[in-house]
Amino acid sequence: MSDRGTSRLACRFGRGRKTKVNNALHPTAGYGPVYFGDSMPAVDELYDRKKYKMRDLLFIRETPSSEGCLLTVCGLEFPDFVRLVGRPLNLLVLRSLFPDAITFHEINFDGIRDNPEDRRFNDLEKLIDSPQYLGGDFWWIDYRDERRLLAIGDDELGEICFLERQGRPLKSPFFESLENRFVYLGHDNGFHASIFVRDRLDALGMLWKAIENRVLACGFSVTYGGCILERLQEGLVFDFSAAGEAGLPVWIYEGDFSFDTFDRGDLCESSVALTLPTERT
């Protein structure tokens, strides 16, 4: 049993809140400068600056995990992520601004169904076509079978509640009842995302396709760089504005990355990890 439009009324563990939570464990907490008085730029101006940087830059860091891998990704928007990982992609929603999510009353969580065969009745397509709802926190877990989801046991449901509240898994980020491939904890549609991926090879393939697509948009093709993907634990910045016949420079970036504070002056020749060979298309 499910219906729509009740997510705004939900209050369990703060579910249904439409504002960012100030939580020290929040994976996107602390990003961005603080402005006072007349120094505060217009919201549209801040958004344009951020989008301009996101168009040219992609930051990736891999954190070792006993199960799959954890990726920190800045610069990959949710619609692009969906195209990279394939369909269908049904979402159990932990936090979202999307008003048309369905509510699974059996487990008191919202969901977004994906029906690739019919766009008219496809909640995921509605979300992709409405980028205004991808701002703020967008956290979700994919699931394979809705019947198994609704029959989830108390232990796994409790772990999902912990994940929703704390922004980190209590035990494993992967759940038997959901058969999920991902846990996606994103903020502002590409600004920052922590993504748990069950299969590391899937993760590497997805990331390489993202790099290829961005280079192609610059008018070049890029030679496969498996060696660079093995250095993701160092934290890498791909600057597509610098892509050219001389190649695509990839920079090592230490510390936390944020589009709000990043400056190209932070990159220097000594931090170039590799230049990926390119060819003009």
Protein backbone atom coordinates (compact mmCIF):
# COMPACT_ATOMS: atom_id res chain seq x y z
CA MET A 1 0.00 0.00 0.00
CA SER A 2 1.36 3.40 -0.96
CA ASP A 3 0.26 6.88 -1.88
CA ARG A 4 1.70 10.23 -2.86
CA GLY A 5 2.14 13.58 -1.21
CA THR A 6 2.50 12.42 2.39
CA SER A 7 6.26 12.86 2.60
CA ARG A 8 5.90 16.47 3.74
CA LEU A 9 4.05 15.25 6.84
CA ALA A 10 6.51 12.60 7.88
CA CYS A 11 8.43 13.27 11.07
CA ARG A 12 10.11 10.00 12.06
CA PHE A 13 13.75 10.75 12.90
CA GLY A 14 13.41 14.04 11.06
CA ARG A 15 12.28 12.36 7.84
CA GLY A 16 10.53 14.70 5.44
CA ARG A 17 12.53 17.76 6.45
CA LYS A 18 13.11 20.10 3.56
CA THR A 19 16.17 21.85 4.95
CA LYS A 20 19.75 20.76 5.42
CA VAL A 21 20.46 19.31 8.88
CA ASN A 22 23.37 20.75 10.85
CA ASN A 23 24.86 17.43 11.88
CA ALA A 24 28.55 16.86 12.55
CA LEU A 25 28.25 13.41 10.97
CA HIS A 26 26.49 14.71 7.89
CA PRO A 27 28.72 13.80 4.89
CA THR A 28 28.22 17.22 3.31
CA ALA A 29 28.36 19.32 6.47
CA GLY A 30 30.75 22.24 6.61
CA TYR A 31 30.97 22.96 2.89
CA GLY A 32 30.97 26.55 1.70
CA PRO A 33 31.94 29.96 3.05
CA VAL A 34 29.93 32.03 5.51
CA TYR A 35 28.81 35.52 4.41
CA PHE A 36 27.65 38.47 6.50
CA GLY A 37 25.56 41.52 5.71
CA ASP A 38 26.14 43.20 2.35
CA SER A 39 28.89 40.74 1.43
CA MET A 40 26.31 38.02 0.80
CA PRO A 41 26.17 37.37 -2.98
CA ALA A 42 22.83 36.80 -4.65
CA VAL A 43 21.68 33.18 -4.60
CA ASP A 44 21.62 33.07 -8.41
CA GLU A 45 25.18 34.40 -8.52
CA LEU A 46 26.43 31.72 -6.14
CA TYR A 47 24.60 29.05 -8.13
CA ASP A 48 26.07 30.28 -11.43
CA ARG A 49 29.60 30.25 -10.01
CA LYS A 50 29.13 26.72 -8.75
CA LYS A 51 27.65 25.46 -12.03
CA TYR A 52 30.47 27.11 -14.00
CA LYS A 53 33.08 25.24 -11.97
CA MET A 54 31.13 21.98 -12.09
CA ARG A 55 31.03 22.17 -15.90
CA ASP A 56 34.83 22.04 -16.09
CA LEU A 57 35.88 20.01 -13.05
CA LEU A 58 35.42 16.53 -11.69
CA PHE A 59 36.85 15.47 -8.34
CA ILE A 60 37.01 11.80 -7.33
CA ARG A 61 38.42 10.12 -4.23
CA GLU A 62 38.08 6.45 -3.36
CA THR A 63 38.13 5.34 0.27
CA PRO A 64 39.00 1.68 0.92
CA SER A 65 36.13 -0.41 2.23
CA SER A 66 35.74 -4.03 3.26
CA GLU A 67 32.63 -4.17 1.07
CA GLY A 68 32.71 -2.58 -2.35
CA CYS A 69 34.06 0.96 -2.25
CA LEU A 70 33.16 4.46 -1.09
CA LEU A 71 33.50 7.25 -3.62
CA THR A 72 33.56 10.96 -2.90
CA VAL A 73 32.53 12.67 -6.13
CA CYS A 74 32.13 16.39 -6.88
CA GLY A 75 30.98 17.48 -10.32
CA LEU A 76 28.78 14.54 -11.41
CA GLU A 77 25.10 15.48 -11.57
CA PHE A 78 22.41 12.96 -10.68
CA PRO A 79 20.90 12.63 -14.21
CA ASP A 80 24.37 11.81 -15.56
CA PHE A 81 24.84 9.26 -12.77
CA VAL A 82 21.58 7.54 -13.78
CA ARG A 83 22.68 7.35 -17.42
CA LEU A 84 26.01 5.84 -16.38
CA VAL A 85 24.69 3.09 -14.09
CA GLY A 86 21.77 1.92 -16.25
CA ARG A 87 18.08 1.33 -15.73
CA PRO A 88 15.81 0.42 -14.06
CA LEU A 89 16.83 2.25 -10.90
CA ASN A 90 14.18 2.18 -8.18
CA LEU A 91 14.99 4.40 -5.21
CA LEU A 92 14.22 4.09 -1.51
CA VAL A 93 14.39 7.75 -0.50
CA LEU A 94 16.07 8.83 2.72
CA ARG A 95 16.06 12.61 2.11
CA SER A 96 14.69 14.54 -0.84
CA LEU A 97 12.82 17.66 -1.95
CA PHE A 98 10.84 15.72 -4.58
CA PRO A 99 7.11 16.22 -3.81
CA ASP A 100 5.81 13.36 -5.99
CA ALA A 101 7.55 10.46 -4.25
CA ILE A 102 5.27 7.62 -3.20
CA THR A 103 5.04 6.57 0.44
CA PHE A 104 5.44 2.95 1.50
CA HIS A 105 3.32 2.89 4.65
CA GLU A 106 4.56 -0.59 5.60
CA ILE A 107 8.03 0.78 6.30
CA ASN A 108 7.29 4.53 6.57
CA PHE A 109 9.72 5.51 3.83
CA ASP A 110 9.26 7.23 0.48
CA GLY A 111 10.18 5.74 -2.88
CA ILE A 112 10.74 6.71 -6.49
CA ARG A 113 9.81 4.04 -9.02
CA ASP A 114 11.52 3.67 -12.37
CA ASN A 115 9.48 2.35 -15.29
CA PRO A 116 11.67 2.84 -18.38
CA GLU A 117 8.96 1.44 -20.66
CA ASP A 118 6.54 4.31 -20.03
CA ARG A 119 7.78 7.84 -19.26
CA ARG A 120 4.24 9.00 -18.39
CA PHE A 121 4.18 6.82 -15.28
CA ASN A 122 7.85 7.04 -14.41
CA ASP A 123 8.65 8.89 -11.19
CA LEU A 124 12.39 8.80 -11.85
CA GLU A 125 11.92 10.53 -15.21
CA LYS A 126 9.77 13.18 -13.51
CA LEU A 127 12.58 13.83 -11.05
CA ILE A 128 15.24 14.02 -13.77
CA ASP A 129 13.06 16.46 -15.71
CA SER A 130 12.63 18.64 -12.58
CA PRO A 131 16.17 19.62 -11.52
CA GLN A 132 14.82 22.13 -9.00
CA TYR A 133 14.01 19.14 -6.76
CA LEU A 134 17.59 17.87 -6.85
CA GLY A 135 18.87 20.67 -4.63
CA GLY A 136 19.53 20.24 -0.94
CA ASP A 137 20.09 16.75 0.40
CA PHE A 138 19.22 13.90 -1.92
CA TRP A 139 19.92 10.58 -0.23
CA TRP A 140 18.71 7.22 -1.48
CA ILE A 141 19.32 3.47 -1.69
CA ASP A 142 18.37 1.54 -4.81
CA TYR A 143 16.26 -1.60 -4.50
CA ARG A 144 15.53 -4.46 -6.87
CA ASP A 145 12.18 -5.96 -5.80
CA GLU A 146 9.41 -3.96 -4.14
CA ARG A 147 7.83 -6.99 -2.45
CA ARG A 148 11.08 -7.88 -0.74
CA LEU A 149 11.57 -4.23 0.22
CA LEU A 150 8.18 -4.07 1.94
CA ALA A 151 8.85 -7.35 3.76
CA ILE A 152 12.19 -6.12 5.17
CA GLY A 153 13.09 -7.32 8.66
CA ASP A 154 13.35 -5.10 11.71
CA ASP A 155 17.13 -5.36 11.92
CA GLU A 156 17.75 -4.13 8.38
CA LEU A 157 15.05 -1.47 8.71
CA GLY A 158 16.74 -0.24 11.88
CA GLU A 159 20.07 0.00 10.05
CA ILE A 160 18.42 2.03 7.28
CA CYS A 161 16.93 4.38 9.90
CA PHE A 162 20.42 4.84 11.38
CA LEU A 163 21.83 5.56 7.92
CA GLU A 164 19.09 8.11 7.28
CA ARG A 165 19.77 9.87 10.55
CA GLN A 166 23.57 9.76 10.74
CA GLY A 167 24.64 9.73 7.09
CA ARG A 168 26.80 6.62 7.57
CA PRO A 169 26.06 2.90 7.74
CA LEU A 170 25.82 1.21 11.12
CA LYS A 171 27.19 -2.01 9.67
CA SER A 172 27.12 -2.68 5.95
CA PRO A 173 25.74 -0.18 3.41
CA PHE A 174 24.33 -3.13 1.45
CA PHE A 175 21.09 -4.85 2.44
CA GLU A 176 19.94 -8.35 1.59
CA SER A 177 16.27 -7.38 1.25
CA LEU A 178 17.06 -4.52 -1.13
CA GLU A 179 19.88 -6.19 -3.12
CA ASN A 180 21.14 -2.63 -3.58
CA ARG A 181 24.12 -1.67 -5.69
CA PHE A 182 24.42 1.85 -4.29
CA VAL A 183 23.93 4.11 -1.32
CA TYR A 184 23.90 7.68 -2.60
CA LEU A 185 24.29 10.60 -0.17
CA GLY A 186 24.29 13.67 -2.40
CA HIS A 187 23.95 17.42 -1.96
CA ASP A 188 22.91 20.07 -4.50
CA ASN A 189 22.90 17.82 -7.59
CA GLY A 190 26.57 17.20 -8.21
CA PHE A 191 28.05 19.63 -5.72
CA HIS A 192 29.07 16.76 -3.44
CA ALA A 193 28.16 13.09 -3.17
CA SER A 194 29.33 10.18 -1.04
CA ILE A 195 28.49 7.01 -2.96
CA PHE A 196 28.84 3.46 -1.65
CA VAL A 197 29.18 1.04 -4.59
CA ARG A 198 28.85 -2.72 -4.10
CA ASP A 199 31.08 -3.72 -7.04
CA ARG A 200 34.34 -1.80 -7.38
CA LEU A 201 34.71 -2.80 -11.03
CA ASP A 202 31.28 -1.30 -11.69
CA ALA A 203 32.42 1.88 -9.96
CA LEU A 204 35.58 2.15 -12.04
CA GLY A 205 33.67 1.51 -15.27
CA MET A 206 31.09 4.16 -14.37
CA LEU A 207 33.76 6.73 -13.55
CA TRP A 208 35.68 6.07 -16.76
CA LYS A 209 32.51 6.53 -18.81
CA ALA A 210 31.93 9.84 -17.01
CA ILE A 211 35.45 11.00 -17.91
CA GLU A 212 35.08 9.85 -21.53
CA ASN A 213 31.79 11.70 -21.95
CA ARG A 214 33.19 14.95 -20.56
CA VAL A 215 36.26 14.79 -22.81
CA LEU A 216 34.06 14.06 -25.85
CA ALA A 217 32.03 17.16 -25.02
CA CYS A 218 35.29 19.12 -25.38
CA GLY A 219 35.83 17.72 -28.89
CA PHE A 220 38.37 15.03 -28.03
CA SER A 221 38.53 11.33 -27.33
CA VAL A 222 40.66 9.92 -24.54
CA THR A 223 42.74 6.76 -24.31
CA TYR A 224 41.72 4.39 -21.51
CA GLY A 225 43.61 5.25 -18.36
CA GLY A 226 43.30 2.27 -16.05
CA CYS A 227 46.48 3.36 -14.29
CA ILE A 228 44.89 6.66 -13.25
CA LEU A 229 41.84 4.92 -11.83
CA GLU A 230 44.12 2.93 -9.55
CA ARG A 231 45.25 6.22 -7.97
CA LEU A 232 41.82 7.41 -6.91
CA GLN A 233 42.67 7.04 -3.21
CA GLU A 234 44.96 10.05 -3.61
CA GLY A 235 42.07 12.31 -4.63
CA LEU A 236 42.11 13.43 -8.27
CA VAL A 237 40.86 16.55 -10.07
CA PHE A 238 40.08 16.32 -13.79
CA ASP A 239 40.09 19.80 -15.36
CA PHE A 240 38.26 19.46 -18.66
CA SER A 241 38.81 23.11 -19.54
CA ALA A 242 42.49 22.15 -19.96
CA ALA A 243 41.77 19.22 -22.29
CA GLY A 244 43.51 19.58 -25.64
CA GLU A 245 45.74 17.87 -28.15
CA ALA A 246 48.44 17.72 -25.49
CA GLY A 247 46.15 15.56 -23.36
CA LEU A 248 43.98 15.85 -20.27
CA PRO A 249 45.92 16.76 -17.11
CA VAL A 250 44.87 14.99 -13.93
CA TRP A 251 45.81 16.61 -10.64
CA ILE A 252 46.33 15.19 -7.17
CA TYR A 253 44.28 17.15 -4.63
CA GLU A 254 44.90 16.64 -0.93
CA GLY A 255 42.27 17.44 1.68
CA ASP A 256 38.55 18.04 1.31
CA PHE A 257 37.34 19.37 -2.03
CA SER A 258 34.59 21.98 -2.35
CA PHE A 259 33.46 24.02 -5.33
CA ASP A 260 32.83 26.93 -2.97
CA THR A 261 36.49 27.23 -1.97
CA PHE A 262 38.37 25.63 -4.87
CA ASP A 263 40.71 27.84 -6.88
CA ARG A 264 42.75 26.71 -9.88
CA GLY A 265 45.72 28.33 -8.19
CA ASP A 266 45.56 25.37 -5.78
CA LEU A 267 46.79 23.19 -8.65
CA CYS A 268 50.48 23.19 -9.54
CA GLU A 269 52.71 21.30 -11.93
CA SER A 270 54.21 19.26 -9.10
CA SER A 271 50.79 17.77 -8.34
CA VAL A 272 50.07 16.46 -11.85
CA ALA A 273 49.46 12.73 -11.46
CA LEU A 274 49.24 11.94 -15.16
CA THR A 275 48.28 13.41 -18.52
CA LEU A 276 45.77 11.23 -20.32
CA PRO A 277 46.42 11.07 -24.09
CA THR A 278 43.67 12.57 -26.24
CA GLU A 279 42.80 12.79 -29.92
CA ARG A 280 40.62 15.36 -31.65
CA THR A 281 37.30 13.87 -32.77
